[in-house]
Amino acid sequence: MHVPPIDPKKATIDVVVKMEDPEGLTGNHDAPAEMTVKGTPGWNLLEVAMAHGINIEHACGGVCACSTCHVYVEKGMDQLSEPTEAEEDRVEEAPGLQRNSRLSCQCVIKGNGPICIRVPAWNRNAVKEVPH
């Protein structure tokens, strides 16, 4: 999945990303467990994370065909698009399902934030492709 750079003039929304496996998500041994990044209205949370070097799994390429980009929305659910029926069907396949479970590829930023998500450590794709 190719993600264009975020335009700093449009990136106005604080998105806190809590990572249970920061090294696995960033490839950086010294990565903090929590990062505050800037999001852009109209972008989904997967795109925002990827634009900031947080590589949330997305085996299907972010088209709502799997559940590998599963996250927990801890704050700001009302700042995101409503889940569709397709997302609800897919997220039910994710391990560790909770009331605040969402697919990051389907969470489009609609409000002004702030938003806080947690990426579980166990949510990994067993088959890794090299980014291109």
Protein backbone atom coordinates (compact mmCIF):
# COMPACT_ATOMS: atom_id res chain seq x y z
CA MET A 1 0.00 0.00 0.00
CA HIS A 2 1.50 3.30 -1.08
CA VAL A 3 0.81 6.25 1.20
CA PRO A 4 1.66 9.77 0.04
CA PRO A 5 3.35 12.12 2.48
CA ILE A 6 1.06 14.03 4.78
CA ASP A 7 0.78 17.72 3.96
CA PRO A 8 1.82 19.49 7.21
CA LYS A 9 -0.64 22.31 6.45
CA LYS A 10 -3.55 19.85 6.41
CA ALA A 11 -2.34 17.54 9.20
CA THR A 12 -4.06 19.17 12.14
CA ILE A 13 -5.53 16.30 14.13
CA ASP A 14 -3.66 14.69 17.02
CA VAL A 15 -3.66 10.90 16.81
CA VAL A 16 -2.04 9.09 19.73
CA VAL A 17 -0.82 5.64 18.73
CA LYS A 18 -0.08 3.28 21.62
CA MET A 19 2.00 0.34 20.45
CA GLU A 20 2.30 -2.87 22.43
CA ASP A 21 5.18 -3.86 20.10
CA PRO A 22 6.83 -0.59 19.06
CA GLU A 23 9.91 -2.25 17.57
CA GLY A 24 7.79 -4.62 15.48
CA LEU A 25 5.66 -1.75 14.16
CA THR A 26 8.47 0.70 13.45
CA GLY A 27 11.57 -1.45 12.95
CA ASN A 28 13.29 0.80 15.49
CA HIS A 29 14.72 -0.79 18.63
CA ASP A 30 14.40 2.53 20.50
CA ALA A 31 10.87 3.40 19.37
CA PRO A 32 8.63 4.74 22.13
CA ALA A 33 5.54 2.76 23.12
CA GLU A 34 3.39 5.82 22.44
CA MET A 35 3.63 8.35 19.64
CA THR A 36 1.49 11.39 18.90
CA VAL A 37 1.27 11.97 15.17
CA LYS A 38 -0.73 14.40 13.06
CA GLY A 39 -3.67 13.17 11.02
CA THR A 40 -5.51 14.69 8.10
CA PRO A 41 -9.29 14.87 7.69
CA GLY A 42 -10.42 12.31 5.11
CA TRP A 43 -7.49 9.96 5.73
CA ASN A 44 -8.02 6.66 7.50
CA LEU A 45 -6.01 5.69 10.57
CA LEU A 46 -3.98 3.09 8.67
CA GLU A 47 -2.82 5.77 6.20
CA VAL A 48 -1.96 8.18 9.02
CA ALA A 49 0.07 5.55 10.90
CA MET A 50 1.90 4.40 7.77
CA ALA A 51 2.74 7.99 6.77
CA HIS A 52 4.49 8.34 10.14
CA GLY A 53 6.46 5.09 9.90
CA ILE A 54 4.09 2.97 12.01
CA ASN A 55 3.57 -0.12 9.90
CA ILE A 56 0.24 -1.54 11.03
CA GLU A 57 -0.34 -4.86 9.30
CA HIS A 58 -2.73 -4.75 6.34
CA ALA A 59 -2.56 -8.03 4.45
CA CYS A 60 -5.40 -7.05 2.10
CA GLY A 61 -3.92 -3.67 1.23
CA GLY A 62 -6.46 -1.75 3.28
CA VAL A 63 -9.61 -2.75 1.40
CA CYS A 64 -11.58 -4.33 4.27
CA ALA A 65 -10.95 -7.90 3.15
CA CYS A 66 -9.13 -9.12 6.28
CA SER A 67 -8.72 -8.13 9.92
CA THR A 68 -4.95 -7.68 10.23
CA CYS A 69 -5.20 -3.89 10.74
CA HIS A 70 -7.36 -4.37 13.85
CA VAL A 71 -6.88 -1.66 16.49
CA TYR A 72 -8.65 -0.51 19.64
CA VAL A 73 -10.01 3.04 19.56
CA GLU A 74 -9.49 4.25 23.13
CA LYS A 75 -10.57 7.85 22.53
CA GLY A 76 -12.25 9.73 19.72
CA MET A 77 -14.60 7.11 18.28
CA ASP A 78 -16.99 10.00 17.56
CA GLN A 79 -14.25 11.66 15.48
CA LEU A 80 -14.21 8.73 13.03
CA SER A 81 -16.54 7.42 10.35
CA GLU A 82 -19.17 4.95 11.46
CA PRO A 83 -18.32 1.28 10.88
CA THR A 84 -19.93 -0.23 7.81
CA GLU A 85 -21.57 -3.64 7.78
CA ALA A 86 -18.57 -4.98 5.84
CA GLU A 87 -16.18 -3.71 8.52
CA GLU A 88 -18.29 -5.16 11.30
CA ASP A 89 -18.25 -8.54 9.54
CA ARG A 90 -14.45 -8.45 9.15
CA VAL A 91 -13.58 -7.14 12.59
CA GLU A 92 -15.49 -10.05 14.14
CA GLU A 93 -12.74 -12.30 12.72
CA ALA A 94 -10.01 -10.51 14.68
CA PRO A 95 -8.68 -12.11 17.85
CA GLY A 96 -9.16 -10.10 21.02
CA LEU A 97 -12.39 -8.51 19.85
CA GLN A 98 -13.63 -5.71 22.12
CA ARG A 99 -16.40 -3.12 21.94
CA ASN A 100 -13.88 -0.53 20.73
CA SER A 101 -12.38 -2.78 18.03
CA ARG A 102 -12.10 -1.25 14.56
CA LEU A 103 -10.20 -1.86 11.36
CA SER A 104 -7.76 1.03 10.98
CA CYS A 105 -8.20 0.97 7.18
CA GLN A 106 -11.89 1.81 7.62
CA CYS A 107 -11.62 4.53 10.30
CA VAL A 108 -11.77 7.75 8.29
CA ILE A 109 -11.06 10.90 10.28
CA LYS A 110 -14.19 13.06 10.24
CA GLY A 111 -13.79 15.28 13.31
CA ASN A 112 -11.12 17.49 14.82
CA GLY A 113 -9.76 14.94 17.31
CA PRO A 114 -8.08 14.07 19.44
CA ILE A 115 -8.00 10.35 18.69
CA CYS A 116 -6.18 7.61 20.59
CA ILE A 117 -5.69 4.05 19.33
CA ARG A 118 -3.87 1.00 20.66
CA VAL A 119 -2.25 -1.50 18.32
CA PRO A 120 -2.13 -4.97 19.92
CA ALA A 121 1.22 -6.79 19.80
CA TRP A 122 -0.28 -10.09 18.67
CA ASN A 123 -1.95 -8.69 15.57
CA ARG A 124 0.61 -9.69 12.97
CA ASN A 125 0.40 -11.16 9.49
CA ALA A 126 2.25 -14.48 9.40
CA VAL A 127 3.38 -13.81 5.83
CA LYS A 128 5.40 -10.59 5.50
CA GLU A 129 5.95 -8.86 2.19
CA VAL A 130 8.80 -6.43 1.72
CA PRO A 131 7.37 -2.91 1.31
CA HIS A 132 7.73 -1.48 -2.17
